Amino acid sequence: MGNGALVPAQSTLLAALAPPDLRHRATAVSRVASNGGIGLGAALGGLVAAHGTGGLAALFVANAITYLLYALILVATVRRDERPEPLPGGYRLLLRDRPFVHLALINVALIAVGWGLFTWIVPPYAREQLGASAQLIGTLLFANAVTVVVAQIPVARLSEGRRRGPTMAIAALAFVLACLLVVAAGVFNAALLFAAVVLVGIGECFHTTVLMPLVADLAPPALRGRYMAAIGLSWWLGLALAPTLGAQALSVSPAGTFLTAGGVALVAALSALALGRELPEGVGVTPQPANRPL
């Protein structure tokens, strides 16, 4: 419930506060902050939780305090309260927006492969099929987070002035290669998993550089919150599909599971190229800010 309320609202606020030509950079900074927080929280959480029940209690209290601080920061810093004129139609207009619906479907596929598969399916596969230790699996997840922190802003800068459809296709192709590397890891060496998770991190950077800024550009200002909520729903659908279908497929054929996921990502790449051709004029290219330092 908290994520369902927080993520669309925060994405909408970020899109409202950042100028259109800087939304991709604002998204990049937000992604760096969130992945840095995930890595830091995991490291500190593990240390604190090692102290038993008392440590866990302290951890949850500290976590609650951070959310309270976040709310206070919002109250103190966000002064604008500009509300666009209401637009009748609501979600009906959203569902009639073909480029947006197309984007949401691509997002379901890419989240299922790039986020869901590599978060929920690769760790048990590495442990049960390849004999990887818990420490190695933790290191893989950490390597993915570090890759995003390091690569996100350079990727955002690289995307400026380039078409968004091909940028998303690059993300999907990175996921295809990552799936092939996981299959190869089962045949040759588990160390290939590191290359796979790094590729996934780079693919994530290309995808998120496009996703939220494009949603903000497609949405009428009065419906931007609903557009963000709908793309958030597509995100969670992708995350739900990966463990639901992937775990069952893994028990039948590990190699087939990852090859199928790679096929899904390949179809998403082709679909992203097609989406690029149907985007409205003016939103098909990531803006290149004029005279703005990174």
C-alpha atoms as a PDB file:
ATOM      1  CA  MET A   1       0.000   0.000   0.000  1.00  0.00           C
ATOM      2  CA  GLY A   2       2.840   2.344   0.840  1.00  0.00           C
ATOM      3  CA  ASN A   3       4.663   1.724  -2.416  1.00  0.00           C
ATOM      4  CA  GLY A   4       1.406   1.970  -4.355  1.00  0.00           C
ATOM      5  CA  ALA A   5       0.870   5.476  -2.999  1.00  0.00           C
ATOM      6  CA  LEU A   6       4.471   6.653  -2.829  1.00  0.00           C
ATOM      7  CA  VAL A   7       5.919   5.676  -6.198  1.00  0.00           C
ATOM      8  CA  PRO A   8       3.335   7.293  -8.538  1.00  0.00           C
ATOM      9  CA  ALA A   9       3.125  10.405  -6.355  1.00  0.00           C
ATOM     10  CA  GLN A  10       6.895  10.771  -6.143  1.00  0.00           C
ATOM     11  CA  SER A  11       7.318  10.216  -9.901  1.00  0.00           C
ATOM     12  CA  THR A  12       4.627  12.795 -10.644  1.00  0.00           C
ATOM     13  CA  LEU A  13       6.220  15.300  -8.255  1.00  0.00           C
ATOM     14  CA  LEU A  14       9.636  14.757  -9.820  1.00  0.00           C
ATOM     15  CA  ALA A  15       8.189  15.320 -13.303  1.00  0.00           C
ATOM     16  CA  ALA A  16       6.433  18.497 -12.121  1.00  0.00           C
ATOM     17  CA  LEU A  17       9.495  19.971 -10.414  1.00  0.00           C
ATOM     18  CA  ALA A  18      12.019  19.237 -13.192  1.00  0.00           C
ATOM     19  CA  PRO A  19      11.891  21.195 -16.478  1.00  0.00           C
ATOM     20  CA  PRO A  20      10.992  18.947 -19.435  1.00  0.00           C
ATOM     21  CA  ASP A  21      14.531  19.093 -20.845  1.00  0.00           C
ATOM     22  CA  LEU A  22      15.969  17.930 -17.513  1.00  0.00           C
ATOM     23  CA  ARG A  23      13.529  15.171 -16.552  1.00  0.00           C
ATOM     24  CA  HIS A  24      15.831  12.397 -17.745  1.00  0.00           C
ATOM     25  CA  ARG A  25      18.653  13.830 -15.623  1.00  0.00           C
ATOM     26  CA  ALA A  26      16.386  14.183 -12.589  1.00  0.00           C
ATOM     27  CA  THR A  27      15.296  10.580 -13.085  1.00  0.00           C
ATOM     28  CA  ALA A  28      18.943   9.517 -13.296  1.00  0.00           C
ATOM     29  CA  VAL A  29      19.805  11.242 -10.016  1.00  0.00           C
ATOM     30  CA  SER A  30      16.738   9.695  -8.379  1.00  0.00           C
ATOM     31  CA  ARG A  31      17.792   6.232  -9.574  1.00  0.00           C
ATOM     32  CA  VAL A  32      21.325   6.714  -8.264  1.00  0.00           C
ATOM     33  CA  ALA A  33      19.914   7.771  -4.891  1.00  0.00           C
ATOM     34  CA  SER A  34      17.498   4.831  -4.699  1.00  0.00           C
ATOM     35  CA  ASN A  35      20.078   2.217  -5.688  1.00  0.00           C
ATOM     36  CA  GLY A  36      22.636   3.764  -3.368  1.00  0.00           C
ATOM     37  CA  GLY A  37      20.035   3.573  -0.610  1.00  0.00           C
ATOM     38  CA  ILE A  38      19.318  -0.071  -1.410  1.00  0.00           C
ATOM     39  CA  GLY A  39      23.015  -0.936  -1.193  1.00  0.00           C
ATOM     40  CA  LEU A  40      23.587   1.091   1.976  1.00  0.00           C
ATOM     41  CA  GLY A  41      20.416  -0.215   3.609  1.00  0.00           C
ATOM     42  CA  ALA A  42      21.339  -3.812   2.862  1.00  0.00           C
ATOM     43  CA  ALA A  43      24.848  -3.357   4.268  1.00  0.00           C
ATOM     44  CA  LEU A  44      23.758  -1.532   7.433  1.00  0.00           C
ATOM     45  CA  GLY A  45      20.690  -3.729   7.860  1.00  0.00           C
ATOM     46  CA  GLY A  46      22.792  -6.866   7.821  1.00  0.00           C
ATOM     47  CA  LEU A  47      25.116  -5.487  10.483  1.00  0.00           C
ATOM     48  CA  VAL A  48      22.295  -4.312  12.750  1.00  0.00           C
ATOM     49  CA  ALA A  49      20.185  -7.454  12.289  1.00  0.00           C
ATOM     50  CA  ALA A  50      23.160  -9.540  13.421  1.00  0.00           C
ATOM     51  CA  HIS A  51      22.468  -8.250  16.965  1.00  0.00           C
ATOM     52  CA  GLY A  52      19.288 -10.315  17.190  1.00  0.00           C
ATOM     53  CA  THR A  53      15.790  -9.180  18.116  1.00  0.00           C
ATOM     54  CA  GLY A  54      17.011  -5.932  19.657  1.00  0.00           C
ATOM     55  CA  GLY A  55      18.872  -5.085  16.465  1.00  0.00           C
ATOM     56  CA  LEU A  56      15.830  -5.810  14.338  1.00  0.00           C
ATOM     57  CA  ALA A  57      13.642  -3.616  16.545  1.00  0.00           C
ATOM     58  CA  ALA A  58      16.180  -0.782  16.295  1.00  0.00           C
ATOM     59  CA  LEU A  59      16.315  -1.287  12.522  1.00  0.00           C
ATOM     60  CA  PHE A  60      12.554  -0.917  12.082  1.00  0.00           C
ATOM     61  CA  VAL A  61      12.393   2.131  14.368  1.00  0.00           C
ATOM     62  CA  ALA A  62      15.238   3.772  12.444  1.00  0.00           C
ATOM     63  CA  ASN A  63      13.497   2.943   9.170  1.00  0.00           C
ATOM     64  CA  ALA A  64      10.285   4.560  10.391  1.00  0.00           C
ATOM     65  CA  ILE A  65      12.241   7.684  11.352  1.00  0.00           C
ATOM     66  CA  THR A  66      13.697   7.966   7.846  1.00  0.00           C
ATOM     67  CA  TYR A  67      10.186   8.043   6.362  1.00  0.00           C
ATOM     68  CA  LEU A  68       9.171  10.708   8.859  1.00  0.00           C
ATOM     69  CA  LEU A  69      12.204  12.766   7.837  1.00  0.00           C
ATOM     70  CA  TYR A  70      11.233  12.309   4.193  1.00  0.00           C
ATOM     71  CA  ALA A  71       7.767  13.707   4.897  1.00  0.00           C
ATOM     72  CA  LEU A  72       9.266  16.689   6.762  1.00  0.00           C
ATOM     73  CA  ILE A  73      11.622  17.393   3.848  1.00  0.00           C
ATOM     74  CA  LEU A  74       8.656  17.416   1.461  1.00  0.00           C
ATOM     75  CA  VAL A  75       6.752  19.875   3.642  1.00  0.00           C
ATOM     76  CA  ALA A  76       9.798  22.122   4.029  1.00  0.00           C
ATOM     77  CA  THR A  77      11.029  22.184   0.428  1.00  0.00           C
ATOM     78  CA  VAL A  78       8.093  21.690  -1.956  1.00  0.00           C
ATOM     79  CA  ARG A  79       6.346  25.054  -1.954  1.00  0.00           C
ATOM     80  CA  ARG A  80       4.600  24.984  -5.319  1.00  0.00           C
ATOM     81  CA  ASP A  81       0.968  23.952  -5.372  1.00  0.00           C
ATOM     82  CA  GLU A  82      -0.002  24.538  -8.987  1.00  0.00           C
ATOM     83  CA  ARG A  83      -2.958  22.373  -9.905  1.00  0.00           C
ATOM     84  CA  PRO A  84      -3.846  21.952 -13.594  1.00  0.00           C
ATOM     85  CA  GLU A  85      -7.426  22.277 -14.708  1.00  0.00           C
ATOM     86  CA  PRO A  86      -9.308  18.967 -14.334  1.00  0.00           C
ATOM     87  CA  LEU A  87      -9.623  16.964 -17.534  1.00  0.00           C
ATOM     88  CA  PRO A  88     -12.766  14.848 -17.890  1.00  0.00           C
ATOM     89  CA  GLY A  89     -12.331  11.281 -19.018  1.00  0.00           C
ATOM     90  CA  GLY A  90      -9.686  10.112 -16.551  1.00  0.00           C
ATOM     91  CA  TYR A  91      -8.470   6.571 -17.157  1.00  0.00           C
ATOM     92  CA  ARG A  92     -10.619   6.257 -20.294  1.00  0.00           C
ATOM     93  CA  LEU A  93      -8.366   8.819 -21.991  1.00  0.00           C
ATOM     94  CA  LEU A  94      -5.324   6.928 -20.766  1.00  0.00           C
ATOM     95  CA  LEU A  95      -6.532   3.631 -22.224  1.00  0.00           C
ATOM     96  CA  ARG A  96      -7.181   5.322 -25.581  1.00  0.00           C
ATOM     97  CA  ASP A  97      -3.604   6.603 -25.688  1.00  0.00           C
ATOM     98  CA  ARG A  98      -2.105   3.907 -27.937  1.00  0.00           C
ATOM     99  CA  PRO A  99       1.574   4.914 -27.574  1.00  0.00           C
ATOM    100  CA  PHE A 100       1.223   4.884 -23.785  1.00  0.00           C
ATOM    101  CA  VAL A 101      -0.508   1.492 -23.699  1.00  0.00           C
ATOM    102  CA  HIS A 102       2.206   0.173 -26.031  1.00  0.00           C
ATOM    103  CA  LEU A 103       4.866   1.562 -23.676  1.00  0.00           C
ATOM    104  CA  ALA A 104       3.179  -0.030 -20.649  1.00  0.00           C
ATOM    105  CA  LEU A 105       3.151  -3.459 -22.324  1.00  0.00           C
ATOM    106  CA  ILE A 106       6.841  -3.160 -23.213  1.00  0.00           C
ATOM    107  CA  ASN A 107       7.488  -2.178 -19.616  1.00  0.00           C
ATOM    108  CA  VAL A 108       5.749  -5.305 -18.287  1.00  0.00           C
ATOM    109  CA  ALA A 109       8.048  -7.477 -20.417  1.00  0.00           C
ATOM    110  CA  LEU A 110      11.271  -5.647 -19.560  1.00  0.00           C
ATOM    111  CA  ILE A 111      10.545  -5.459 -15.839  1.00  0.00           C
ATOM    112  CA  ALA A 112       9.674  -9.168 -15.786  1.00  0.00           C
ATOM    113  CA  VAL A 113      13.019 -10.051 -17.394  1.00  0.00           C
ATOM    114  CA  GLY A 114      15.438  -7.362 -16.213  1.00  0.00           C
ATOM    115  CA  TRP A 115      14.143  -6.882 -12.678  1.00  0.00           C
ATOM    116  CA  GLY A 116      11.920  -9.839 -11.780  1.00  0.00           C
ATOM    117  CA  LEU A 117      13.934 -12.676 -13.313  1.00  0.00           C
ATOM    118  CA  PHE A 118      17.304 -11.488 -12.043  1.00  0.00           C
ATOM    119  CA  THR A 119      15.958 -10.681  -8.567  1.00  0.00           C
ATOM    120  CA  TRP A 120      13.743 -13.714  -7.911  1.00  0.00           C
ATOM    121  CA  ILE A 121      14.886 -16.496 -10.258  1.00  0.00           C
ATOM    122  CA  VAL A 122      18.640 -16.132 -10.776  1.00  0.00           C
ATOM    123  CA  PRO A 123      19.545 -16.339  -7.035  1.00  0.00           C
ATOM    124  CA  PRO A 124      17.815 -19.725  -6.417  1.00  0.00           C
ATOM    125  CA  TYR A 125      19.140 -20.986  -9.761  1.00  0.00           C
ATOM    126  CA  ALA A 126      22.683 -19.966  -8.810  1.00  0.00           C
ATOM    127  CA  ARG A 127      22.378 -21.589  -5.404  1.00  0.00           C
ATOM    128  CA  GLU A 128      20.634 -24.828  -6.347  1.00  0.00           C
ATOM    129  CA  GLN A 129      21.985 -25.494  -9.843  1.00  0.00           C
ATOM    130  CA  LEU A 130      25.440 -23.889  -9.768  1.00  0.00           C
ATOM    131  CA  GLY A 131      26.260 -24.337  -6.064  1.00  0.00           C
ATOM    132  CA  ALA A 132      26.815 -20.627  -5.446  1.00  0.00           C
ATOM    133  CA  SER A 133      27.169 -19.547  -1.827  1.00  0.00           C
ATOM    134  CA  ALA A 134      24.904 -17.019  -0.119  1.00  0.00           C
ATOM    135  CA  GLN A 135      27.849 -14.597  -0.048  1.00  0.00           C
ATOM    136  CA  LEU A 136      28.317 -14.920  -3.805  1.00  0.00           C
ATOM    137  CA  ILE A 137      24.620 -14.297  -4.435  1.00  0.00           C
ATOM    138  CA  GLY A 138      24.725 -11.225  -2.193  1.00  0.00           C
ATOM    139  CA  THR A 139      27.758 -10.005  -4.117  1.00  0.00           C
ATOM    140  CA  LEU A 140      25.877 -10.421  -7.404  1.00  0.00           C
ATOM    141  CA  LEU A 141      23.001  -8.255  -6.165  1.00  0.00           C
ATOM    142  CA  PHE A 142      25.483  -5.700  -4.839  1.00  0.00           C
ATOM    143  CA  ALA A 143      27.316  -5.644  -8.188  1.00  0.00           C
ATOM    144  CA  ASN A 144      24.035  -4.910  -9.960  1.00  0.00           C
ATOM    145  CA  ALA A 145      23.256  -1.985  -7.604  1.00  0.00           C
ATOM    146  CA  VAL A 146      26.787  -0.571  -7.952  1.00  0.00           C
ATOM    147  CA  THR A 147      26.562  -0.774 -11.752  1.00  0.00           C
ATOM    148  CA  VAL A 148      23.391   1.329 -11.713  1.00  0.00           C
ATOM    149  CA  VAL A 149      24.948   3.887  -9.354  1.00  0.00           C
ATOM    150  CA  VAL A 150      28.045   4.217 -11.551  1.00  0.00           C
ATOM    151  CA  ALA A 151      26.414   4.059 -14.994  1.00  0.00           C
ATOM    152  CA  GLN A 152      23.045   5.789 -14.620  1.00  0.00           C
ATOM    153  CA  ILE A 153      24.131   9.419 -15.000  1.00  0.00           C
ATOM    154  CA  PRO A 154      26.599   8.752 -17.873  1.00  0.00           C
ATOM    155  CA  VAL A 155      23.887   6.758 -19.677  1.00  0.00           C
ATOM    156  CA  ALA A 156      21.413   9.620 -19.196  1.00  0.00           C
ATOM    157  CA  ARG A 157      23.954  12.018 -20.684  1.00  0.00           C
ATOM    158  CA  LEU A 158      24.669   9.618 -23.560  1.00  0.00           C
ATOM    159  CA  SER A 159      20.943   9.380 -24.407  1.00  0.00           C
ATOM    160  CA  GLU A 160      20.538  13.130 -24.924  1.00  0.00           C
ATOM    161  CA  GLY A 161      19.581  13.993 -28.486  1.00  0.00           C
ATOM    162  CA  ARG A 162      18.933  10.339 -29.322  1.00  0.00           C
ATOM    163  CA  ARG A 163      15.643   8.643 -30.116  1.00  0.00           C
ATOM    164  CA  ARG A 164      13.890   7.000 -27.202  1.00  0.00           C
ATOM    165  CA  GLY A 165      12.715   3.882 -29.039  1.00  0.00           C
ATOM    166  CA  PRO A 166      16.228   2.683 -29.922  1.00  0.00           C
ATOM    167  CA  THR A 167      17.416   3.600 -26.414  1.00  0.00           C
ATOM    168  CA  MET A 168      14.818   1.249 -24.930  1.00  0.00           C
ATOM    169  CA  ALA A 169      15.771  -1.380 -27.507  1.00  0.00           C
ATOM    170  CA  ILE A 170      19.387  -1.218 -26.281  1.00  0.00           C
ATOM    171  CA  ALA A 171      18.117  -1.959 -22.764  1.00  0.00           C
ATOM    172  CA  ALA A 172      16.155  -4.955 -24.019  1.00  0.00           C
ATOM    173  CA  LEU A 173      19.133  -6.298 -25.981  1.00  0.00           C
ATOM    174  CA  ALA A 174      21.299  -6.003 -22.858  1.00  0.00           C
ATOM    175  CA  PHE A 175      18.751  -8.225 -21.089  1.00  0.00           C
ATOM    176  CA  VAL A 176      18.898 -10.715 -23.996  1.00  0.00           C
ATOM    177  CA  LEU A 177      22.692 -10.977 -23.695  1.00  0.00           C
ATOM    178  CA  ALA A 178      22.426 -11.276 -19.908  1.00  0.00           C
ATOM    179  CA  CYS A 179      20.036 -14.220 -20.243  1.00  0.00           C
ATOM    180  CA  LEU A 180      22.449 -15.926 -22.648  1.00  0.00           C
ATOM    181  CA  LEU A 181      25.287 -15.382 -20.183  1.00  0.00           C
ATOM    182  CA  VAL A 182      23.272 -17.040 -17.410  1.00  0.00           C
ATOM    183  CA  VAL A 183      22.772 -20.073 -19.638  1.00  0.00           C
ATOM    184  CA  ALA A 184      26.497 -20.078 -20.443  1.00  0.00           C
ATOM    185  CA  ALA A 185      27.300 -19.854 -16.720  1.00  0.00           C
ATOM    186  CA  GLY A 186      25.580 -23.192 -16.233  1.00  0.00           C
ATOM    187  CA  VAL A 187      27.795 -24.774 -18.891  1.00  0.00           C
ATOM    188  CA  PHE A 188      31.147 -23.055 -18.389  1.00  0.00           C
ATOM    189  CA  ASN A 189      31.670 -21.007 -15.217  1.00  0.00           C
ATOM    190  CA  ALA A 190      29.443 -19.376 -12.607  1.00  0.00           C
ATOM    191  CA  ALA A 191      31.693 -16.295 -12.804  1.00  0.00           C
ATOM    192  CA  LEU A 192      29.787 -15.388 -15.977  1.00  0.00           C
ATOM    193  CA  LEU A 193      26.908 -14.433 -13.673  1.00  0.00           C
ATOM    194  CA  PHE A 194      28.859 -11.293 -12.740  1.00  0.00           C
ATOM    195  CA  ALA A 195      28.957 -10.196 -16.370  1.00  0.00           C
ATOM    196  CA  ALA A 196      25.232 -10.952 -16.610  1.00  0.00           C
ATOM    197  CA  VAL A 197      24.229  -8.805 -13.629  1.00  0.00           C
ATOM    198  CA  VAL A 198      26.456  -5.951 -14.810  1.00  0.00           C
ATOM    199  CA  LEU A 199      24.781  -6.099 -18.231  1.00  0.00           C
ATOM    200  CA  VAL A 200      21.385  -6.073 -16.541  1.00  0.00           C
ATOM    201  CA  GLY A 201      22.399  -2.982 -14.540  1.00  0.00           C
ATOM    202  CA  ILE A 202      23.438  -1.188 -17.724  1.00  0.00           C
ATOM    203  CA  GLY A 203      20.177  -2.229 -19.394  1.00  0.00           C
ATOM    204  CA  GLU A 204      18.231  -0.881 -16.422  1.00  0.00           C
ATOM    205  CA  CYS A 205      19.977   2.479 -16.869  1.00  0.00           C
ATOM    206  CA  PHE A 206      18.978   2.736 -20.534  1.00  0.00           C
ATOM    207  CA  HIS A 207      15.374   1.718 -19.813  1.00  0.00           C
ATOM    208  CA  THR A 208      14.771   4.045 -16.868  1.00  0.00           C
ATOM    209  CA  THR A 209      16.406   6.963 -18.681  1.00  0.00           C
ATOM    210  CA  VAL A 210      13.498   6.767 -21.127  1.00  0.00           C
ATOM    211  CA  LEU A 211      10.574   5.414 -19.106  1.00  0.00           C
ATOM    212  CA  MET A 212       9.395   8.024 -16.603  1.00  0.00           C
ATOM    213  CA  PRO A 213      10.349  11.105 -18.690  1.00  0.00           C
ATOM    214  CA  LEU A 214       8.465   9.629 -21.650  1.00  0.00           C
ATOM    215  CA  VAL A 215       5.405   8.924 -19.495  1.00  0.00           C
ATOM    216  CA  ALA A 216       5.517  12.529 -18.238  1.00  0.00           C
ATOM    217  CA  ASP A 217       5.741  13.839 -21.822  1.00  0.00           C
ATOM    218  CA  LEU A 218       2.866  11.657 -23.067  1.00  0.00           C
ATOM    219  CA  ALA A 219       0.531  12.558 -20.191  1.00  0.00           C
ATOM    220  CA  PRO A 220      -1.683  15.641 -20.151  1.00  0.00           C
ATOM    221  CA  PRO A 221      -0.674  17.625 -17.020  1.00  0.00           C
ATOM    222  CA  ALA A 222      -4.054  16.982 -15.369  1.00  0.00           C
ATOM    223  CA  LEU A 223      -3.665  13.207 -15.822  1.00  0.00           C
ATOM    224  CA  ARG A 224       0.046  12.848 -15.113  1.00  0.00           C
ATOM    225  CA  GLY A 225      -0.587  11.194 -11.748  1.00  0.00           C
ATOM    226  CA  ARG A 226      -2.863   8.590 -13.347  1.00  0.00           C
ATOM    227  CA  TYR A 227      -0.322   7.901 -16.081  1.00  0.00           C
ATOM    228  CA  MET A 228       2.367   7.391 -13.433  1.00  0.00           C
ATOM    229  CA  ALA A 229       0.046   5.106 -11.458  1.00  0.00           C
ATOM    230  CA  ALA A 230      -0.698   3.038 -14.570  1.00  0.00           C
ATOM    231  CA  ILE A 231       2.979   2.650 -15.485  1.00  0.00           C
ATOM    232  CA  GLY A 232       3.615   1.728 -11.849  1.00  0.00           C
ATOM    233  CA  LEU A 233       0.977  -0.987 -12.185  1.00  0.00           C
ATOM    234  CA  SER A 234       2.748  -2.328 -15.276  1.00  0.00           C
ATOM    235  CA  TRP A 235       5.981  -2.368 -13.253  1.00  0.00           C
ATOM    236  CA  TRP A 236       4.433  -4.469 -10.473  1.00  0.00           C
ATOM    237  CA  LEU A 237       2.773  -6.777 -12.995  1.00  0.00           C
ATOM    238  CA  GLY A 238       6.183  -7.505 -14.471  1.00  0.00           C
ATOM    239  CA  LEU A 239       7.642  -8.159 -11.029  1.00  0.00           C
ATOM    240  CA  ALA A 240       4.752 -10.507 -10.201  1.00  0.00           C
ATOM    241  CA  LEU A 241       4.986 -12.474 -13.454  1.00  0.00           C
ATOM    242  CA  ALA A 242       8.661 -13.372 -13.033  1.00  0.00           C
ATOM    243  CA  PRO A 243       8.397 -15.409  -9.799  1.00  0.00           C
ATOM    244  CA  THR A 244       4.941 -16.753 -10.661  1.00  0.00           C
ATOM    245  CA  LEU A 245       5.909 -18.187 -14.048  1.00  0.00           C
ATOM    246  CA  GLY A 246       9.682 -18.297 -13.771  1.00  0.00           C
ATOM    247  CA  ALA A 247       9.853 -20.483 -10.670  1.00  0.00           C
ATOM    248  CA  GLN A 248       7.680 -23.150 -12.277  1.00  0.00           C
ATOM    249  CA  ALA A 249       9.609 -22.984 -15.548  1.00  0.00           C
ATOM    250  CA  LEU A 250      12.910 -23.225 -13.659  1.00  0.00           C
ATOM    251  CA  SER A 251      11.881 -26.570 -12.184  1.00  0.00           C
ATOM    252  CA  VAL A 252      11.239 -27.922 -15.694  1.00  0.00           C
ATOM    253  CA  SER A 253      14.204 -26.515 -17.647  1.00  0.00           C
ATOM    254  CA  PRO A 254      16.624 -23.871 -16.300  1.00  0.00           C
ATOM    255  CA  ALA A 255      18.171 -23.247 -19.709  1.00  0.00           C
ATOM    256  CA  GLY A 256      14.738 -23.080 -21.336  1.00  0.00           C
ATOM    257  CA  THR A 257      13.616 -20.561 -18.707  1.00  0.00           C
ATOM    258  CA  PHE A 258      16.408 -18.106 -19.463  1.00  0.00           C
ATOM    259  CA  LEU A 259      16.267 -18.638 -23.212  1.00  0.00           C
ATOM    260  CA  THR A 260      12.521 -17.926 -23.135  1.00  0.00           C
ATOM    261  CA  ALA A 261      13.150 -14.793 -21.062  1.00  0.00           C
ATOM    262  CA  GLY A 262      15.753 -13.712 -23.606  1.00  0.00           C
ATOM    263  CA  GLY A 263      13.175 -14.257 -26.362  1.00  0.00           C
ATOM    264  CA  VAL A 264      10.680 -12.065 -24.488  1.00  0.00           C
ATOM    265  CA  ALA A 265      13.306  -9.333 -24.181  1.00  0.00           C
ATOM    266  CA  LEU A 266      14.115  -9.625 -27.891  1.00  0.00           C
ATOM    267  CA  VAL A 267      10.441  -9.161 -28.793  1.00  0.00           C
ATOM    268  CA  ALA A 268      10.374  -6.152 -26.438  1.00  0.00           C
ATOM    269  CA  ALA A 269      13.383  -4.698 -28.288  1.00  0.00           C
ATOM    270  CA  LEU A 270      11.596  -4.943 -31.634  1.00  0.00           C
ATOM    271  CA  SER A 271       8.442  -3.524 -30.070  1.00  0.00           C
ATOM    272  CA  ALA A 272      10.413  -0.578 -28.655  1.00  0.00           C
ATOM    273  CA  LEU A 273      11.698   0.232 -32.136  1.00  0.00           C
ATOM    274  CA  ALA A 274       8.118   0.169 -33.406  1.00  0.00           C
ATOM    275  CA  LEU A 275       6.990   2.392 -30.517  1.00  0.00           C
ATOM    276  CA  GLY A 276       9.631   4.936 -31.447  1.00  0.00           C
ATOM    277  CA  ARG A 277       7.968   5.369 -34.842  1.00  0.00           C
ATOM    278  CA  GLU A 278       4.492   5.987 -33.376  1.00  0.00           C
ATOM    279  CA  LEU A 279       5.401   8.495 -30.667  1.00  0.00           C
ATOM    280  CA  PRO A 280       3.916  11.975 -31.115  1.00  0.00           C
ATOM    281  CA  GLU A 281       6.069  14.720 -32.561  1.00  0.00           C
ATOM    282  CA  GLY A 282       8.328  16.284 -29.979  1.00  0.00           C
ATOM    283  CA  VAL A 283       8.536  13.379 -27.511  1.00  0.00           C
ATOM    284  CA  GLY A 284      10.413  10.782 -29.541  1.00  0.00           C
ATOM    285  CA  VAL A 285      13.858  12.155 -28.661  1.00  0.00           C
ATOM    286  CA  THR A 286      15.473  12.616 -25.256  1.00  0.00           C
ATOM    287  CA  PRO A 287      15.982  16.400 -24.919  1.00  0.00           C
ATOM    288  CA  GLN A 288      19.475  17.812 -25.111  1.00  0.00           C
ATOM    289  CA  PRO A 289      19.566  20.625 -22.544  1.00  0.00           C
ATOM    290  CA  ALA A 290      21.056  23.847 -23.863  1.00  0.00           C
ATOM    291  CA  ASN A 291      23.754  25.483 -21.739  1.00  0.00           C
ATOM    292  CA  ARG A 292      23.004  23.305 -18.708  1.00  0.00           C
ATOM    293  CA  PRO A 293      25.964  21.628 -16.986  1.00  0.00           C
ATOM    294  CA  LEU A 294      25.431  18.054 -15.766  1.00  0.00           C
END
